Amino acid sequence: MGNYVLIILLALLMARAFIKNRETLKEYKKLSKTQLLGVIITFIFTVGTSTALIVYGKNLIEGKFQSPFLEAFIFLVILFFVFISIGTISDKAMKKITKGVLPKE
């Protein structure tokens, strides 16, 4: 029963995201096929690199500190730097690939 509720909530959340970002979705229609392929590759690279850096960072600090609070704090700092740096690189790559059409601010 609980899984069905989560699936329904996920579907509603995805529908809300599509409705909220209609203008951005219309911008994708303006892109050529090579630009769209570049956007998809950039997205996959962003997700993969972020995941690898977060997992590597977590494994790097695991068990190094006596305090679990300090370990959690260092992990949050790693998360912050990974998201900021990868997000900045991804935005610059998307602007260059799409000639400024994406990402929308």
PDB file of N, CA and C in Angstrom:
ATOM      1  N   MET A   1       0.820  -1.199   0.000  1.00  0.00           N
ATOM      2  CA  MET A   1       0.000   0.000   0.000  1.00  0.00           C
ATOM      3  C   MET A   1       0.864   1.264   0.000  1.00  0.00           C
ATOM      4  N   GLY A   2       1.908   1.255   0.835  1.00  0.00           N
ATOM      5  CA  GLY A   2       2.771   2.424   0.946  1.00  0.00           C
ATOM      6  C   GLY A   2       3.522   2.720  -0.340  1.00  0.00           C
ATOM      7  N   ASN A   3       3.899   1.656  -1.064  1.00  0.00           N
ATOM      8  CA  ASN A   3       4.616   1.857  -2.324  1.00  0.00           C
ATOM      9  C   ASN A   3       3.734   2.526  -3.361  1.00  0.00           C
ATOM     10  N   TYR A   4       2.456   2.168  -3.389  1.00  0.00           N
ATOM     11  CA  TYR A   4       1.540   2.773  -4.357  1.00  0.00           C
ATOM     12  C   TYR A   4       1.364   4.261  -4.088  1.00  0.00           C
ATOM     13  N   VAL A   5       1.308   4.621  -2.822  1.00  0.00           N
ATOM     14  CA  VAL A   5       1.177   6.031  -2.459  1.00  0.00           C
ATOM     15  C   VAL A   5       2.417   6.799  -2.920  1.00  0.00           C
ATOM     16  N   LEU A   6       3.594   6.216  -2.713  1.00  0.00           N
ATOM     17  CA  LEU A   6       4.824   6.877  -3.140  1.00  0.00           C
ATOM     18  C   LEU A   6       4.889   7.015  -4.657  1.00  0.00           C
ATOM     19  N   ILE A   7       4.437   6.004  -5.381  1.00  0.00           N
ATOM     20  CA  ILE A   7       4.434   6.069  -6.844  1.00  0.00           C
ATOM     21  C   ILE A   7       3.486   7.158  -7.330  1.00  0.00           C
ATOM     22  N   ILE A   8       2.308   7.251  -6.718  1.00  0.00           N
ATOM     23  CA  ILE A   8       1.338   8.287  -7.093  1.00  0.00           C
ATOM     24  C   ILE A   8       1.901   9.674  -6.781  1.00  0.00           C
ATOM     25  N   LEU A   9       2.531   9.821  -5.615  1.00  0.00           N
ATOM     26  CA  LEU A   9       3.126  11.108  -5.260  1.00  0.00           C
ATOM     27  C   LEU A   9       4.255  11.482  -6.220  1.00  0.00           C
ATOM     28  N   LEU A  10       5.053  10.502  -6.631  1.00  0.00           N
ATOM     29  CA  LEU A  10       6.116  10.768  -7.593  1.00  0.00           C
ATOM     30  C   LEU A  10       5.541  11.204  -8.932  1.00  0.00           C
ATOM     31  N   ALA A  11       4.483  10.548  -9.381  1.00  0.00           N
ATOM     32  CA  ALA A  11       3.843  10.923 -10.648  1.00  0.00           C
ATOM     33  C   ALA A  11       3.272  12.339 -10.566  1.00  0.00           C
ATOM     34  N   LEU A  12       2.650  12.677  -9.446  1.00  0.00           N
ATOM     35  CA  LEU A  12       2.114  14.030  -9.268  1.00  0.00           C
ATOM     36  C   LEU A  12       3.231  15.075  -9.242  1.00  0.00           C
ATOM     37  N   LEU A  13       4.328  14.741  -8.594  1.00  0.00           N
ATOM     38  CA  LEU A  13       5.459  15.660  -8.537  1.00  0.00           C
ATOM     39  C   LEU A  13       6.054  15.887  -9.923  1.00  0.00           C
ATOM     40  N   MET A  14       6.161  14.826 -10.708  1.00  0.00           N
ATOM     41  CA  MET A  14       6.684  14.966 -12.069  1.00  0.00           C
ATOM     42  C   MET A  14       5.728  15.779 -12.938  1.00  0.00           C
ATOM     43  N   ALA A  15       4.423  15.549 -12.800  1.00  0.00           N
ATOM     44  CA  ALA A  15       3.442  16.320 -13.568  1.00  0.00           C
ATOM     45  C   ALA A  15       3.524  17.797 -13.192  1.00  0.00           C
ATOM     46  N   ARG A  16       3.678  18.083 -11.913  1.00  0.00           N
ATOM     47  CA  ARG A  16       3.798  19.468 -11.454  1.00  0.00           C
ATOM     48  C   ARG A  16       5.050  20.116 -12.037  1.00  0.00           C
ATOM     49  N   ALA A  17       6.153  19.378 -12.076  1.00  0.00           N
ATOM     50  CA  ALA A  17       7.396  19.923 -12.622  1.00  0.00           C
ATOM     51  C   ALA A  17       7.248  20.231 -14.108  1.00  0.00           C
ATOM     52  N   PHE A  18       6.581  19.351 -14.859  1.00  0.00           N
ATOM     53  CA  PHE A  18       6.376  19.610 -16.286  1.00  0.00           C
ATOM     54  C   PHE A  18       5.469  20.809 -16.511  1.00  0.00           C
ATOM     55  N   ILE A  19       4.412  20.922 -15.719  1.00  0.00           N
ATOM     56  CA  ILE A  19       3.487  22.047 -15.876  1.00  0.00           C
ATOM     57  C   ILE A  19       4.181  23.359 -15.504  1.00  0.00           C
ATOM     58  N   LYS A  20       4.962  23.328 -14.436  1.00  0.00           N
ATOM     59  CA  LYS A  20       5.630  24.536 -13.966  1.00  0.00           C
ATOM     60  C   LYS A  20       6.694  25.016 -14.960  1.00  0.00           C
ATOM     61  N   ASN A  21       7.329  24.096 -15.659  1.00  0.00           N
ATOM     62  CA  ASN A  21       8.430  24.445 -16.562  1.00  0.00           C
ATOM     63  C   ASN A  21       8.034  24.361 -18.025  1.00  0.00           C
ATOM     64  N   ARG A  22       6.818  24.740 -18.352  1.00  0.00           N
ATOM     65  CA  ARG A  22       6.348  24.668 -19.737  1.00  0.00           C
ATOM     66  C   ARG A  22       7.179  25.529 -20.683  1.00  0.00           C
ATOM     67  N   GLU A  23       7.550  26.730 -20.239  1.00  0.00           N
ATOM     68  CA  GLU A  23       8.326  27.614 -21.105  1.00  0.00           C
ATOM     69  C   GLU A  23       9.695  27.019 -21.413  1.00  0.00           C
ATOM     70  N   THR A  24      10.316  26.412 -20.416  1.00  0.00           N
ATOM     71  CA  THR A  24      11.613  25.783 -20.641  1.00  0.00           C
ATOM     72  C   THR A  24      11.482  24.613 -21.596  1.00  0.00           C
ATOM     73  N   LEU A  25      10.405  23.851 -21.478  1.00  0.00           N
ATOM     74  CA  LEU A  25      10.193  22.724 -22.388  1.00  0.00           C
ATOM     75  C   LEU A  25       9.979  23.207 -23.817  1.00  0.00           C
ATOM     76  N   LYS A  26       9.367  24.388 -23.975  1.00  0.00           N
ATOM     77  CA  LYS A  26       9.195  24.945 -25.321  1.00  0.00           C
ATOM     78  C   LYS A  26      10.535  25.352 -25.921  1.00  0.00           C
ATOM     79  N   GLU A  27      11.479  25.722 -25.074  1.00  0.00           N
ATOM     80  CA  GLU A  27      12.807  26.104 -25.552  1.00  0.00           C
ATOM     81  C   GLU A  27      13.543  24.908 -26.154  1.00  0.00           C
ATOM     82  N   TYR A  28      13.259  23.718 -25.662  1.00  0.00           N
ATOM     83  CA  TYR A  28      13.913  22.527 -26.203  1.00  0.00           C
ATOM     84  C   TYR A  28      13.543  22.299 -27.664  1.00  0.00           C
ATOM     85  N   LYS A  29      12.361  22.739 -28.067  1.00  0.00           N
ATOM     86  CA  LYS A  29      11.935  22.564 -29.455  1.00  0.00           C
ATOM     87  C   LYS A  29      12.747  23.438 -30.407  1.00  0.00           C
ATOM     88  N   LYS A  30      13.352  24.499 -29.894  1.00  0.00           N
ATOM     89  CA  LYS A  30      14.155  25.398 -30.718  1.00  0.00           C
ATOM     90  C   LYS A  30      15.551  24.841 -30.994  1.00  0.00           C
ATOM     91  N   LEU A  31      15.944  23.810 -30.267  1.00  0.00           N
ATOM     92  CA  LEU A  31      17.294  23.275 -30.398  1.00  0.00           C
ATOM     93  C   LEU A  31      17.392  22.299 -31.564  1.00  0.00           C
ATOM     94  N   SER A  32      18.564  22.267 -32.181  1.00  0.00           N
ATOM     95  CA  SER A  32      18.800  21.276 -33.237  1.00  0.00           C
ATOM     96  C   SER A  32      19.066  19.917 -32.583  1.00  0.00           C
ATOM     97  N   LYS A  33      19.137  18.892 -33.410  1.00  0.00           N
ATOM     98  CA  LYS A  33      19.343  17.542 -32.865  1.00  0.00           C
ATOM     99  C   LYS A  33      20.716  17.403 -32.218  1.00  0.00           C
ATOM    100  N   THR A  34      21.727  18.032 -32.786  1.00  0.00           N
ATOM    101  CA  THR A  34      23.055  17.941 -32.181  1.00  0.00           C
ATOM    102  C   THR A  34      23.113  18.718 -30.864  1.00  0.00           C
ATOM    103  N   GLN A  35      22.416  19.849 -30.796  1.00  0.00           N
ATOM    104  CA  GLN A  35      22.362  20.591 -29.539  1.00  0.00           C
ATOM    105  C   GLN A  35      21.622  19.787 -28.476  1.00  0.00           C
ATOM    106  N   LEU A  36      20.533  19.146 -28.865  1.00  0.00           N
ATOM    107  CA  LEU A  36      19.770  18.325 -27.925  1.00  0.00           C
ATOM    108  C   LEU A  36      20.611  17.151 -27.434  1.00  0.00           C
ATOM    109  N   LEU A  37      21.367  16.541 -28.323  1.00  0.00           N
ATOM    110  CA  LEU A  37      22.263  15.457 -27.932  1.00  0.00           C
ATOM    111  C   LEU A  37      23.332  15.972 -26.969  1.00  0.00           C
ATOM    112  N   GLY A  38      23.854  17.159 -27.228  1.00  0.00           N
ATOM    113  CA  GLY A  38      24.828  17.767 -26.328  1.00  0.00           C
ATOM    114  C   GLY A  38      24.250  18.042 -24.952  1.00  0.00           C
ATOM    115  N   VAL A  39      22.995  18.487 -24.899  1.00  0.00           N
ATOM    116  CA  VAL A  39      22.329  18.739 -23.621  1.00  0.00           C
ATOM    117  C   VAL A  39      22.164  17.431 -22.853  1.00  0.00           C
ATOM    118  N   ILE A  40      21.764  16.369 -23.544  1.00  0.00           N
ATOM    119  CA  ILE A  40      21.576  15.074 -22.887  1.00  0.00           C
ATOM    120  C   ILE A  40      22.906  14.541 -22.364  1.00  0.00           C
ATOM    121  N   ILE A  41      23.956  14.648 -23.168  1.00  0.00           N
ATOM    122  CA  ILE A  41      25.275  14.182 -22.730  1.00  0.00           C
ATOM    123  C   ILE A  41      25.774  15.005 -21.548  1.00  0.00           C
ATOM    124  N   THR A  42      25.543  16.315 -21.576  1.00  0.00           N
ATOM    125  CA  THR A  42      25.933  17.171 -20.456  1.00  0.00           C
ATOM    126  C   THR A  42      25.190  16.785 -19.188  1.00  0.00           C
ATOM    127  N   PHE A  43      23.898  16.486 -19.310  1.00  0.00           N
ATOM    128  CA  PHE A  43      23.115  16.080 -18.147  1.00  0.00           C
ATOM    129  C   PHE A  43      23.637  14.765 -17.574  1.00  0.00           C
ATOM    130  N   ILE A  44      23.899  13.787 -18.444  1.00  0.00           N
ATOM    131  CA  ILE A  44      24.408  12.494 -17.976  1.00  0.00           C
ATOM    132  C   ILE A  44      25.779  12.670 -17.319  1.00  0.00           C
ATOM    133  N   PHE A  45      26.634  13.496 -17.923  1.00  0.00           N
ATOM    134  CA  PHE A  45      27.948  13.774 -17.344  1.00  0.00           C
ATOM    135  C   PHE A  45      27.810  14.442 -15.977  1.00  0.00           C
ATOM    136  N   THR A  46      26.893  15.390 -15.869  1.00  0.00           N
ATOM    137  CA  THR A  46      26.692  16.098 -14.605  1.00  0.00           C
ATOM    138  C   THR A  46      26.244  15.145 -13.506  1.00  0.00           C
ATOM    139  N   VAL A  47      25.258  14.316 -13.799  1.00  0.00           N
ATOM    140  CA  VAL A  47      24.750  13.379 -12.792  1.00  0.00           C
ATOM    141  C   VAL A  47      25.825  12.356 -12.421  1.00  0.00           C
ATOM    142  N   GLY A  48      26.506  11.814 -13.419  1.00  0.00           N
ATOM    143  CA  GLY A  48      27.535  10.808 -13.151  1.00  0.00           C
ATOM    144  C   GLY A  48      28.707  11.355 -12.359  1.00  0.00           C
ATOM    145  N   THR A  49      29.183  12.524 -12.743  1.00  0.00           N
ATOM    146  CA  THR A  49      30.313  13.131 -12.047  1.00  0.00           C
ATOM    147  C   THR A  49      29.941  13.515 -10.618  1.00  0.00           C
ATOM    148  N   SER A  50      28.761  14.086 -10.443  1.00  0.00           N
ATOM    149  CA  SER A  50      28.316  14.453  -9.095  1.00  0.00           C
ATOM    150  C   SER A  50      28.214  13.223  -8.209  1.00  0.00           C
ATOM    151  N   THR A  51      27.625  12.167  -8.737  1.00  0.00           N
ATOM    152  CA  THR A  51      27.481  10.937  -7.962  1.00  0.00           C
ATOM    153  C   THR A  51      28.844  10.368  -7.587  1.00  0.00           C
ATOM    154  N   ALA A  52      29.756  10.317  -8.547  1.00  0.00           N
ATOM    155  CA  ALA A  52      31.086   9.766  -8.274  1.00  0.00           C
ATOM    156  C   ALA A  52      31.830  10.596  -7.231  1.00  0.00           C
ATOM    157  N   LEU A  53      31.772  11.913  -7.350  1.00  0.00           N
ATOM    158  CA  LEU A  53      32.471  12.766  -6.390  1.00  0.00           C
ATOM    159  C   LEU A  53      31.871  12.668  -4.992  1.00  0.00           C
ATOM    160  N   ILE A  54      30.563  12.563  -4.901  1.00  0.00           N
ATOM    161  CA  ILE A  54      29.919  12.454  -3.591  1.00  0.00           C
ATOM    162  C   ILE A  54      30.258  11.117  -2.944  1.00  0.00           C
ATOM    163  N   VAL A  55      30.175  10.032  -3.710  1.00  0.00           N
ATOM    164  CA  VAL A  55      30.493   8.706  -3.158  1.00  0.00           C
ATOM    165  C   VAL A  55      31.964   8.642  -2.760  1.00  0.00           C
ATOM    166  N   TYR A  56      32.849   9.143  -3.619  1.00  0.00           N
ATOM    167  CA  TYR A  56      34.274   9.140  -3.301  1.00  0.00           C
ATOM    168  C   TYR A  56      34.556  10.005  -2.073  1.00  0.00           C
ATOM    169  N   GLY A  57      33.927  11.168  -1.995  1.00  0.00           N
ATOM    170  CA  GLY A  57      34.113  12.037  -0.834  1.00  0.00           C
ATOM    171  C   GLY A  57      33.622  11.401   0.450  1.00  0.00           C
ATOM    172  N   LYS A  58      32.495  10.715   0.386  1.00  0.00           N
ATOM    173  CA  LYS A  58      31.954  10.034   1.567  1.00  0.00           C
ATOM    174  C   LYS A  58      32.880   8.903   2.002  1.00  0.00           C
ATOM    175  N   ASN A  59      33.368   8.124   1.046  1.00  0.00           N
ATOM    176  CA  ASN A  59      34.278   7.031   1.385  1.00  0.00           C
ATOM    177  C   ASN A  59      35.614   7.548   1.898  1.00  0.00           C
ATOM    178  N   LEU A  60      36.018   8.715   1.434  1.00  0.00           N
ATOM    179  CA  LEU A  60      37.283   9.295   1.856  1.00  0.00           C
ATOM    180  C   LEU A  60      37.251   9.708   3.326  1.00  0.00           C
ATOM    181  N   ILE A  61      36.130  10.253   3.785  1.00  0.00           N
ATOM    182  CA  ILE A  61      36.071  10.742   5.167  1.00  0.00           C
ATOM    183  C   ILE A  61      35.489   9.723   6.138  1.00  0.00           C
ATOM    184  N   GLU A  62      34.972   8.619   5.623  1.00  0.00           N
ATOM    185  CA  GLU A  62      34.319   7.639   6.489  1.00  0.00           C
ATOM    186  C   GLU A  62      35.329   7.032   7.468  1.00  0.00           C
ATOM    187  N   GLY A  63      35.034   7.158   8.753  1.00  0.00           N
ATOM    188  CA  GLY A  63      35.870   6.582   9.789  1.00  0.00           C
ATOM    189  C   GLY A  63      37.108   7.385  10.133  1.00  0.00           C
ATOM    190  N   LYS A  64      37.319   8.536   9.539  1.00  0.00           N
ATOM    191  CA  LYS A  64      38.519   9.339   9.800  1.00  0.00           C
ATOM    192  C   LYS A  64      38.365  10.227  11.038  1.00  0.00           C
ATOM    193  N   PHE A  65      37.140  10.503  11.430  1.00  0.00           N
ATOM    194  CA  PHE A  65      36.902  11.427  12.534  1.00  0.00           C
ATOM    195  C   PHE A  65      36.249  10.690  13.697  1.00  0.00           C
ATOM    196  N   GLN A  66      36.571  11.127  14.905  1.00  0.00           N
ATOM    197  CA  GLN A  66      35.985  10.533  16.103  1.00  0.00           C
ATOM    198  C   GLN A  66      34.516  10.910  16.247  1.00  0.00           C
ATOM    199  N   SER A  67      34.210  12.135  15.893  1.00  0.00           N
ATOM    200  CA  SER A  67      32.865  12.659  16.092  1.00  0.00           C
ATOM    201  C   SER A  67      32.000  12.435  14.846  1.00  0.00           C
ATOM    202  N   PRO A  68      30.828  11.801  15.018  1.00  0.00           N
ATOM    203  CA  PRO A  68      29.928  11.658  13.867  1.00  0.00           C
ATOM    204  C   PRO A  68      29.400  13.008  13.384  1.00  0.00           C
ATOM    205  N   PHE A  69      29.276  13.972  14.301  1.00  0.00           N
ATOM    206  CA  PHE A  69      28.830  15.306  13.919  1.00  0.00           C
ATOM    207  C   PHE A  69      29.838  15.958  12.977  1.00  0.00           C
ATOM    208  N   LEU A  70      31.109  15.864  13.316  1.00  0.00           N
ATOM    209  CA  LEU A  70      32.151  16.454  12.476  1.00  0.00           C
ATOM    210  C   LEU A  70      32.204  15.761  11.119  1.00  0.00           C
ATOM    211  N   GLU A  71      32.040  14.446  11.114  1.00  0.00           N
ATOM    212  CA  GLU A  71      32.030  13.697   9.857  1.00  0.00           C
ATOM    213  C   GLU A  71      30.851  14.120   8.981  1.00  0.00           C
ATOM    214  N   ALA A  72      29.680  14.303   9.590  1.00  0.00           N
ATOM    215  CA  ALA A  72      28.501  14.743   8.837  1.00  0.00           C
ATOM    216  C   ALA A  72      28.692  16.167   8.320  1.00  0.00           C
ATOM    217  N   PHE A  73      29.309  17.020   9.129  1.00  0.00           N
ATOM    218  CA  PHE A  73      29.551  18.396   8.706  1.00  0.00           C
ATOM    219  C   PHE A  73      30.508  18.443   7.516  1.00  0.00           C
ATOM    220  N   ILE A  74      31.583  17.679   7.578  1.00  0.00           N
ATOM    221  CA  ILE A  74      32.542  17.631   6.470  1.00  0.00           C
ATOM    222  C   ILE A  74      31.865  17.094   5.215  1.00  0.00           C
ATOM    223  N   PHE A  75      30.995  16.098   5.369  1.00  0.00           N
ATOM    224  CA  PHE A  75      30.270  15.555   4.218  1.00  0.00           C
ATOM    225  C   PHE A  75      29.359  16.616   3.603  1.00  0.00           C
ATOM    226  N   LEU A  76      28.700  17.417   4.426  1.00  0.00           N
ATOM    227  CA  LEU A  76      27.856  18.492   3.906  1.00  0.00           C
ATOM    228  C   LEU A  76      28.683  19.550   3.174  1.00  0.00           C
ATOM    229  N   VAL A  77      29.872  19.824   3.666  1.00  0.00           N
ATOM    230  CA  VAL A  77      30.764  20.762   2.981  1.00  0.00           C
ATOM    231  C   VAL A  77      31.163  20.199   1.618  1.00  0.00           C
ATOM    232  N   ILE A  78      31.468  18.903   1.574  1.00  0.00           N
ATOM    233  CA  ILE A  78      31.801  18.257   0.297  1.00  0.00           C
ATOM    234  C   ILE A  78      30.616  18.343  -0.654  1.00  0.00           C
ATOM    235  N   LEU A  79      29.409  18.060  -0.158  1.00  0.00           N
ATOM    236  CA  LEU A  79      28.206  18.165  -0.991  1.00  0.00           C
ATOM    237  C   LEU A  79      28.054  19.570  -1.564  1.00  0.00           C
ATOM    238  N   PHE A  80      28.228  20.563  -0.721  1.00  0.00           N
ATOM    239  CA  PHE A  80      28.090  21.949  -1.147  1.00  0.00           C
ATOM    240  C   PHE A  80      29.065  22.274  -2.274  1.00  0.00           C
ATOM    241  N   PHE A  81      30.332  21.945  -2.086  1.00  0.00           N
ATOM    242  CA  PHE A  81      31.331  22.262  -3.105  1.00  0.00           C
ATOM    243  C   PHE A  81      31.112  21.478  -4.394  1.00  0.00           C
ATOM    244  N   VAL A  82      30.688  20.226  -4.286  1.00  0.00           N
ATOM    245  CA  VAL A  82      30.423  19.430  -5.490  1.00  0.00           C
ATOM    246  C   VAL A  82      29.272  20.042  -6.270  1.00  0.00           C
ATOM    247  N   PHE A  83      28.171  20.364  -5.591  1.00  0.00           N
ATOM    248  CA  PHE A  83      27.012  20.910  -6.293  1.00  0.00           C
ATOM    249  C   PHE A  83      27.301  22.278  -6.900  1.00  0.00           C
ATOM    250  N   ILE A  84      28.020  23.125  -6.193  1.00  0.00           N
ATOM    251  CA  ILE A  84      28.341  24.452  -6.722  1.00  0.00           C
ATOM    252  C   ILE A  84      29.269  24.337  -7.932  1.00  0.00           C
ATOM    253  N   SER A  85      30.327  23.554  -7.807  1.00  0.00           N
ATOM    254  CA  SER A  85      31.292  23.472  -8.909  1.00  0.00           C
ATOM    255  C   SER A  85      30.717  22.756 -10.124  1.00  0.00           C
ATOM    256  N   ILE A  86      30.053  21.631  -9.928  1.00  0.00           N
ATOM    257  CA  ILE A  86      29.481  20.899 -11.059  1.00  0.00           C
ATOM    258  C   ILE A  86      28.341  21.703 -11.686  1.00  0.00           C
ATOM    259  N   GLY A  87      27.545  22.386 -10.871  1.00  0.00           N
ATOM    260  CA  GLY A  87      26.464  23.215 -11.403  1.00  0.00           C
ATOM    261  C   GLY A  87      26.978  24.355 -12.259  1.00  0.00           C
ATOM    262  N   THR A  88      28.048  24.993 -11.818  1.00  0.00           N
ATOM    263  CA  THR A  88      28.640  26.089 -12.589  1.00  0.00           C
ATOM    264  C   THR A  88      29.199  25.589 -13.917  1.00  0.00           C
ATOM    265  N   ILE A  89      29.919  24.483 -13.866  1.00  0.00           N
ATOM    266  CA  ILE A  89      30.485  23.914 -15.097  1.00  0.00           C
ATOM    267  C   ILE A  89      29.374  23.486 -16.046  1.00  0.00           C
ATOM    268  N   SER A  90      28.335  22.869 -15.507  1.00  0.00           N
ATOM    269  CA  SER A  90      27.213  22.409 -16.333  1.00  0.00           C
ATOM    270  C   SER A  90      26.490  23.588 -16.978  1.00  0.00           C
ATOM    271  N   ASP A  91      26.266  24.652 -16.230  1.00  0.00           N
ATOM    272  CA  ASP A  91      25.602  25.834 -16.793  1.00  0.00           C
ATOM    273  C   ASP A  91      26.416  26.449 -17.928  1.00  0.00           C
ATOM    274  N   LYS A  92      27.721  26.562 -17.734  1.00  0.00           N
ATOM    275  CA  LYS A  92      28.572  27.125 -18.788  1.00  0.00           C
ATOM    276  C   LYS A  92      28.557  26.246 -20.032  1.00  0.00           C
ATOM    277  N   ALA A  93      28.605  24.933 -19.837  1.00  0.00           N
ATOM    278  CA  ALA A  93      28.585  24.017 -20.984  1.00  0.00           C
ATOM    279  C   ALA A  93      27.252  24.099 -21.720  1.00  0.00           C
ATOM    280  N   MET A  94      26.144  24.169 -20.964  1.00  0.00           N
ATOM    281  CA  MET A  94      24.818  24.252 -21.597  1.00  0.00           C
ATOM    282  C   MET A  94      24.673  25.551 -22.381  1.00  0.00           C
ATOM    283  N   LYS A  95      25.149  26.663 -21.827  1.00  0.00           N
ATOM    284  CA  LYS A  95      25.060  27.939 -22.545  1.00  0.00           C
ATOM    285  C   LYS A  95      25.868  27.897 -23.830  1.00  0.00           C
ATOM    286  N   LYS A  96      27.031  27.262 -23.769  1.00  0.00           N
ATOM    287  CA  LYS A  96      27.875  27.189 -24.960  1.00  0.00           C
ATOM    288  C   LYS A  96      27.263  26.261 -26.011  1.00  0.00           C
ATOM    289  N   ILE A  97      26.725  25.135 -25.585  1.00  0.00           N
ATOM    290  CA  ILE A  97      26.139  24.170 -26.524  1.00  0.00           C
ATOM    291  C   ILE A  97      24.895  24.741 -27.183  1.00  0.00           C
ATOM    292  N   THR A  98      24.031  25.381 -26.393  1.00  0.00           N
ATOM    293  CA  THR A  98      22.743  25.856 -26.914  1.00  0.00           C
ATOM    294  C   THR A  98      22.787  27.303 -27.381  1.00  0.00           C
ATOM    295  N   LYS A  99      23.961  27.910 -27.363  1.00  0.00           N
ATOM    296  CA  LYS A  99      24.132  29.312 -27.770  1.00  0.00           C
ATOM    297  C   LYS A  99      23.254  30.259 -26.946  1.00  0.00           C
ATOM    298  N   GLY A 100      23.173  30.005 -25.638  1.00  0.00           N
ATOM    299  CA  GLY A 100      22.469  30.882 -24.722  1.00  0.00           C
ATOM    300  C   GLY A 100      20.991  30.614 -24.538  1.00  0.00           C
ATOM    301  N   VAL A 101      20.432  29.627 -25.233  1.00  0.00           N
ATOM    302  CA  VAL A 101      19.000  29.337 -25.086  1.00  0.00           C
ATOM    303  C   VAL A 101      18.726  28.714 -23.719  1.00  0.00           C
ATOM    304  N   LEU A 102      19.568  27.794 -23.303  1.00  0.00           N
ATOM    305  CA  LEU A 102      19.439  27.143 -22.002  1.00  0.00           C
ATOM    306  C   LEU A 102      20.713  27.402 -21.224  1.00  0.00           C
ATOM    307  N   PRO A 103      20.734  27.385 -19.962  1.00  0.00           N
ATOM    308  CA  PRO A 103      19.631  27.255 -19.017  1.00  0.00           C
ATOM    309  C   PRO A 103      18.921  28.583 -18.803  1.00  0.00           C
ATOM    310  N   LYS A 104      17.653  28.500 -18.526  1.00  0.00           N
ATOM    311  CA  LYS A 104      16.853  29.692 -18.235  1.00  0.00           C
ATOM    312  C   LYS A 104      17.137  30.137 -16.816  1.00  0.00           C
ATOM    313  N   GLU A 105      17.213  31.422 -16.606  1.00  0.00           N
ATOM    314  CA  GLU A 105      17.486  31.956 -15.266  1.00  0.00           C
ATOM    315  C   GLU A 105      16.211  32.310 -14.572  1.00  0.00           C
TER     316      GLU A 105
END
